[in-house]
Amino acid sequence: MSNLMNAANRHGFLTVRWNNVLVIGVGVPALIYATITLSTSALTDRSAFIGLVIIGAFY
């Protein structure tokens, strides 16, 4: 089995571009959810809190 985190792969994946993609991919949906949750009454307080905790633990 080949080593997936060798020097060539590490330099290919640990870049500014990949960091920006991850921040946008995870951060923007979390901000949208938090904004909707905190500004509207679309969800109950308990379910909104649980959703925010799950997103916070993931992020």
PDB file of N, CA and C in Angstrom:
ATOM      1  N   MET A   1       0.843  -1.178   0.000  1.00  0.00           N
ATOM      2  CA  MET A   1       0.000   0.000   0.000  1.00  0.00           C
ATOM      3  C   MET A   1       0.887   1.240   0.000  1.00  0.00           C
ATOM      4  N   SER A   2       0.580   2.173  -0.837  1.00  0.00           N
ATOM      5  CA  SER A   2       1.410   3.364  -0.938  1.00  0.00           C
ATOM      6  C   SER A   2       1.098   4.342   0.193  1.00  0.00           C
ATOM      7  N   ASN A   3       2.068   5.137   0.497  1.00  0.00           N
ATOM      8  CA  ASN A   3       1.910   6.143   1.540  1.00  0.00           C
ATOM      9  C   ASN A   3       1.205   7.360   0.947  1.00  0.00           C
ATOM     10  N   LEU A   4       0.012   7.687   1.453  1.00  0.00           N
ATOM     11  CA  LEU A   4      -0.774   8.776   0.889  1.00  0.00           C
ATOM     12  C   LEU A   4      -0.259  10.152   1.285  1.00  0.00           C
ATOM     13  N   MET A   5       0.429  10.264   2.404  1.00  0.00           N
ATOM     14  CA  MET A   5       0.915  11.569   2.836  1.00  0.00           C
ATOM     15  C   MET A   5       2.429  11.682   2.634  1.00  0.00           C
ATOM     16  N   ASN A   6       2.890  11.348   1.447  1.00  0.00           N
ATOM     17  CA  ASN A   6       4.299  11.560   1.165  1.00  0.00           C
ATOM     18  C   ASN A   6       4.521  13.026   0.818  1.00  0.00           C
ATOM     19  N   ALA A   7       5.742  13.424   0.568  1.00  0.00           N
ATOM     20  CA  ALA A   7       6.074  14.831   0.362  1.00  0.00           C
ATOM     21  C   ALA A   7       5.361  15.421  -0.849  1.00  0.00           C
ATOM     22  N   ALA A   8       5.231  14.657  -1.922  1.00  0.00           N
ATOM     23  CA  ALA A   8       4.580  15.182  -3.127  1.00  0.00           C
ATOM     24  C   ALA A   8       3.095  15.454  -2.879  1.00  0.00           C
ATOM     25  N   ASN A   9       2.412  14.554  -2.222  1.00  0.00           N
ATOM     26  CA  ASN A   9       0.991  14.758  -1.930  1.00  0.00           C
ATOM     27  C   ASN A   9       0.787  15.863  -0.900  1.00  0.00           C
ATOM     28  N   ARG A  10       1.664  15.927   0.080  1.00  0.00           N
ATOM     29  CA  ARG A  10       1.530  16.938   1.128  1.00  0.00           C
ATOM     30  C   ARG A  10       1.607  18.333   0.525  1.00  0.00           C
ATOM     31  N   HIS A  11       2.535  18.550  -0.382  1.00  0.00           N
ATOM     32  CA  HIS A  11       2.666  19.870  -1.000  1.00  0.00           C
ATOM     33  C   HIS A  11       1.519  20.153  -1.957  1.00  0.00           C
ATOM     34  N   GLY A  12       0.912  19.118  -2.503  1.00  0.00           N
ATOM     35  CA  GLY A  12      -0.209  19.321  -3.415  1.00  0.00           C
ATOM     36  C   GLY A  12      -1.506  19.663  -2.706  1.00  0.00           C
ATOM     37  N   PHE A  13      -1.671  19.191  -1.469  1.00  0.00           N
ATOM     38  CA  PHE A  13      -2.937  19.397  -0.765  1.00  0.00           C
ATOM     39  C   PHE A  13      -2.877  20.482   0.298  1.00  0.00           C
ATOM     40  N   LEU A  14      -1.715  20.779   0.839  1.00  0.00           N
ATOM     41  CA  LEU A  14      -1.604  21.807   1.868  1.00  0.00           C
ATOM     42  C   LEU A  14      -1.224  23.131   1.223  1.00  0.00           C
ATOM     43  N   THR A  15      -2.154  23.673   0.470  1.00  0.00           N
ATOM     44  CA  THR A  15      -1.914  24.927  -0.231  1.00  0.00           C
ATOM     45  C   THR A  15      -2.946  25.964   0.200  1.00  0.00           C
ATOM     46  N   VAL A  16      -2.699  27.199  -0.168  1.00  0.00           N
ATOM     47  CA  VAL A  16      -3.637  28.275   0.140  1.00  0.00           C
ATOM     48  C   VAL A  16      -4.963  28.034  -0.561  1.00  0.00           C
ATOM     49  N   ARG A  17      -4.902  27.505  -1.785  1.00  0.00           N
ATOM     50  CA  ARG A  17      -6.131  27.252  -2.529  1.00  0.00           C
ATOM     51  C   ARG A  17      -7.007  26.226  -1.817  1.00  0.00           C
ATOM     52  N   TRP A  18      -6.410  25.120  -1.355  1.00  0.00           N
ATOM     53  CA  TRP A  18      -7.189  24.110  -0.650  1.00  0.00           C
ATOM     54  C   TRP A  18      -7.729  24.657   0.665  1.00  0.00           C
ATOM     55  N   ASN A  19      -6.955  25.492   1.343  1.00  0.00           N
ATOM     56  CA  ASN A  19      -7.432  26.103   2.579  1.00  0.00           C
ATOM     57  C   ASN A  19      -8.647  26.982   2.301  1.00  0.00           C
ATOM     58  N   ASN A  20      -8.592  27.779   1.253  1.00  0.00           N
ATOM     59  CA  ASN A  20      -9.726  28.633   0.909  1.00  0.00           C
ATOM     60  C   ASN A  20     -10.946  27.820   0.517  1.00  0.00           C
ATOM     61  N   VAL A  21     -10.754  26.736  -0.212  1.00  0.00           N
ATOM     62  CA  VAL A  21     -11.873  25.876  -0.602  1.00  0.00           C
ATOM     63  C   VAL A  21     -12.539  25.267   0.633  1.00  0.00           C
ATOM     64  N   LEU A  22     -11.743  24.815   1.578  1.00  0.00           N
ATOM     65  CA  LEU A  22     -12.306  24.228   2.800  1.00  0.00           C
ATOM     66  C   LEU A  22     -13.040  25.265   3.647  1.00  0.00           C
ATOM     67  N   VAL A  23     -12.474  26.458   3.748  1.00  0.00           N
ATOM     68  CA  VAL A  23     -13.126  27.505   4.535  1.00  0.00           C
ATOM     69  C   VAL A  23     -14.456  27.893   3.901  1.00  0.00           C
ATOM     70  N   ILE A  24     -14.473  28.047   2.592  1.00  0.00           N
ATOM     71  CA  ILE A  24     -15.717  28.404   1.911  1.00  0.00           C
ATOM     72  C   ILE A  24     -16.710  27.253   1.976  1.00  0.00           C
ATOM     73  N   GLY A  25     -16.226  26.032   1.776  1.00  0.00           N
ATOM     74  CA  GLY A  25     -17.115  24.871   1.762  1.00  0.00           C
ATOM     75  C   GLY A  25     -17.755  24.562   3.093  1.00  0.00           C
ATOM     76  N   VAL A  26     -17.062  24.856   4.181  1.00  0.00           N
ATOM     77  CA  VAL A  26     -17.602  24.555   5.504  1.00  0.00           C
ATOM     78  C   VAL A  26     -18.072  25.826   6.211  1.00  0.00           C
ATOM     79  N   GLY A  27     -17.332  26.903   6.074  1.00  0.00           N
ATOM     80  CA  GLY A  27     -17.626  28.118   6.822  1.00  0.00           C
ATOM     81  C   GLY A  27     -18.845  28.875   6.350  1.00  0.00           C
ATOM     82  N   VAL A  28     -19.006  29.012   5.050  1.00  0.00           N
ATOM     83  CA  VAL A  28     -20.130  29.788   4.523  1.00  0.00           C
ATOM     84  C   VAL A  28     -21.476  29.131   4.844  1.00  0.00           C
ATOM     85  N   PRO A  29     -21.639  27.816   4.622  1.00  0.00           N
ATOM     86  CA  PRO A  29     -22.919  27.210   5.036  1.00  0.00           C
ATOM     87  C   PRO A  29     -23.175  27.325   6.540  1.00  0.00           C
ATOM     88  N   ALA A  30     -22.126  27.260   7.346  1.00  0.00           N
ATOM     89  CA  ALA A  30     -22.298  27.422   8.792  1.00  0.00           C
ATOM     90  C   ALA A  30     -22.753  28.833   9.124  1.00  0.00           C
ATOM     91  N   LEU A  31     -22.189  29.832   8.474  1.00  0.00           N
ATOM     92  CA  LEU A  31     -22.614  31.211   8.708  1.00  0.00           C
ATOM     93  C   LEU A  31     -24.048  31.449   8.247  1.00  0.00           C
ATOM     94  N   ILE A  32     -24.414  30.869   7.128  1.00  0.00           N
ATOM     95  CA  ILE A  32     -25.790  31.009   6.635  1.00  0.00           C
ATOM     96  C   ILE A  32     -26.766  30.364   7.616  1.00  0.00           C
ATOM     97  N   TYR A  33     -26.440  29.144   8.075  1.00  0.00           N
ATOM     98  CA  TYR A  33     -27.306  28.464   9.037  1.00  0.00           C
ATOM     99  C   TYR A  33     -27.419  29.276  10.324  1.00  0.00           C
ATOM    100  N   ALA A  34     -26.306  29.776  10.821  1.00  0.00           N
ATOM    101  CA  ALA A  34     -26.341  30.551  12.066  1.00  0.00           C
ATOM    102  C   ALA A  34     -27.153  31.826  11.898  1.00  0.00           C
ATOM    103  N   THR A  35     -27.016  32.491  10.771  1.00  0.00           N
ATOM    104  CA  THR A  35     -27.770  33.714  10.522  1.00  0.00           C
ATOM    105  C   THR A  35     -29.264  33.436  10.468  1.00  0.00           C
ATOM    106  N   ILE A  36     -29.641  32.402   9.744  1.00  0.00           N
ATOM    107  CA  ILE A  36     -31.058  32.052   9.645  1.00  0.00           C
ATOM    108  C   ILE A  36     -31.601  31.614  10.998  1.00  0.00           C
ATOM    109  N   THR A  37     -30.828  30.808  11.707  1.00  0.00           N
ATOM    110  CA  THR A  37     -31.270  30.291  12.998  1.00  0.00           C
ATOM    111  C   THR A  37     -31.444  31.402  14.024  1.00  0.00           C
ATOM    112  N   LEU A  38     -30.511  32.324  14.068  1.00  0.00           N
ATOM    113  CA  LEU A  38     -30.560  33.357  15.093  1.00  0.00           C
ATOM    114  C   LEU A  38     -31.490  34.512  14.751  1.00  0.00           C
ATOM    115  N   SER A  39     -31.811  34.690  13.474  1.00  0.00           N
ATOM    116  CA  SER A  39     -32.631  35.839  13.105  1.00  0.00           C
ATOM    117  C   SER A  39     -34.092  35.496  12.814  1.00  0.00           C
ATOM    118  N   THR A  40     -34.417  34.226  12.618  1.00  0.00           N
ATOM    119  CA  THR A  40     -35.801  33.852  12.352  1.00  0.00           C
ATOM    120  C   THR A  40     -36.253  32.815  13.364  1.00  0.00           C
ATOM    121  N   SER A  41     -37.525  32.500  13.319  1.00  0.00           N
ATOM    122  CA  SER A  41     -38.052  31.454  14.202  1.00  0.00           C
ATOM    123  C   SER A  41     -38.431  30.223  13.367  1.00  0.00           C
ATOM    124  N   ALA A  42     -37.614  29.907  12.369  1.00  0.00           N
ATOM    125  CA  ALA A  42     -37.898  28.772  11.488  1.00  0.00           C
ATOM    126  C   ALA A  42     -37.756  27.445  12.235  1.00  0.00           C
ATOM    127  N   LEU A  43     -36.866  27.403  13.218  1.00  0.00           N
ATOM    128  CA  LEU A  43     -36.660  26.194  14.014  1.00  0.00           C
ATOM    129  C   LEU A  43     -36.940  26.502  15.475  1.00  0.00           C
ATOM    130  N   THR A  44     -37.218  25.461  16.238  1.00  0.00           N
ATOM    131  CA  THR A  44     -37.367  25.656  17.676  1.00  0.00           C
ATOM    132  C   THR A  44     -35.996  25.974  18.267  1.00  0.00           C
ATOM    133  N   ASP A  45     -36.002  26.541  19.445  1.00  0.00           N
ATOM    134  CA  ASP A  45     -34.736  26.912  20.079  1.00  0.00           C
ATOM    135  C   ASP A  45     -33.846  25.698  20.307  1.00  0.00           C
ATOM    136  N   ARG A  46     -34.448  24.599  20.716  1.00  0.00           N
ATOM    137  CA  ARG A  46     -33.663  23.402  20.995  1.00  0.00           C
ATOM    138  C   ARG A  46     -33.031  22.829  19.727  1.00  0.00           C
ATOM    139  N   SER A  47     -33.817  22.709  18.643  1.00  0.00           N
ATOM    140  CA  SER A  47     -33.266  22.145  17.409  1.00  0.00           C
ATOM    141  C   SER A  47     -32.233  23.085  16.782  1.00  0.00           C
ATOM    142  N   ALA A  48     -32.434  24.391  16.899  1.00  0.00           N
ATOM    143  CA  ALA A  48     -31.446  25.347  16.396  1.00  0.00           C
ATOM    144  C   ALA A  48     -30.138  25.222  17.170  1.00  0.00           C
ATOM    145  N   PHE A  49     -30.229  25.080  18.487  1.00  0.00           N
ATOM    146  CA  PHE A  49     -29.038  24.922  19.309  1.00  0.00           C
ATOM    147  C   PHE A  49     -28.304  23.637  18.969  1.00  0.00           C
ATOM    148  N   ILE A  50     -29.028  22.538  18.810  1.00  0.00           N
ATOM    149  CA  ILE A  50     -28.397  21.260  18.465  1.00  0.00           C
ATOM    150  C   ILE A  50     -27.704  21.356  17.108  1.00  0.00           C
ATOM    151  N   GLY A  51     -28.341  22.010  16.148  1.00  0.00           N
ATOM    152  CA  GLY A  51     -27.718  22.197  14.842  1.00  0.00           C
ATOM    153  C   GLY A  51     -26.454  23.023  14.919  1.00  0.00           C
ATOM    154  N   LEU A  52     -26.480  24.094  15.708  1.00  0.00           N
ATOM    155  CA  LEU A  52     -25.290  24.919  15.873  1.00  0.00           C
ATOM    156  C   LEU A  52     -24.165  24.157  16.567  1.00  0.00           C
ATOM    157  N   VAL A  53     -24.493  23.316  17.535  1.00  0.00           N
ATOM    158  CA  VAL A  53     -23.478  22.507  18.205  1.00  0.00           C
ATOM    159  C   VAL A  53     -22.845  21.510  17.238  1.00  0.00           C
ATOM    160  N   ILE A  54     -23.662  20.873  16.422  1.00  0.00           N
ATOM    161  CA  ILE A  54     -23.132  19.895  15.450  1.00  0.00           C
ATOM    162  C   ILE A  54     -22.231  20.588  14.442  1.00  0.00           C
ATOM    163  N   ILE A  55     -22.658  21.719  13.915  1.00  0.00           N
ATOM    164  CA  ILE A  55     -21.815  22.453  12.966  1.00  0.00           C
ATOM    165  C   ILE A  55     -20.540  22.937  13.645  1.00  0.00           C
ATOM    166  N   GLY A  56     -20.638  23.424  14.865  1.00  0.00           N
ATOM    167  CA  GLY A  56     -19.454  23.875  15.595  1.00  0.00           C
ATOM    168  C   GLY A  56     -18.478  22.751  15.874  1.00  0.00           C
ATOM    169  N   ALA A  57     -18.987  21.567  16.186  1.00  0.00           N
ATOM    170  CA  ALA A  57     -18.102  20.428  16.435  1.00  0.00           C
ATOM    171  C   ALA A  57     -17.444  19.961  15.141  1.00  0.00           C
ATOM    172  N   PHE A  58     -18.166  20.057  14.046  1.00  0.00           N
ATOM    173  CA  PHE A  58     -17.609  19.641  12.750  1.00  0.00           C
ATOM    174  C   PHE A  58     -16.562  20.625  12.273  1.00  0.00           C
ATOM    175  N   TYR A  59     -16.851  21.907  12.409  1.00  0.00           N
ATOM    176  CA  TYR A  59     -15.950  22.931  11.907  1.00  0.00           C
ATOM    177  C   TYR A  59     -14.753  23.059  12.800  1.00  0.00           C
TER     178      TYR A  59
END
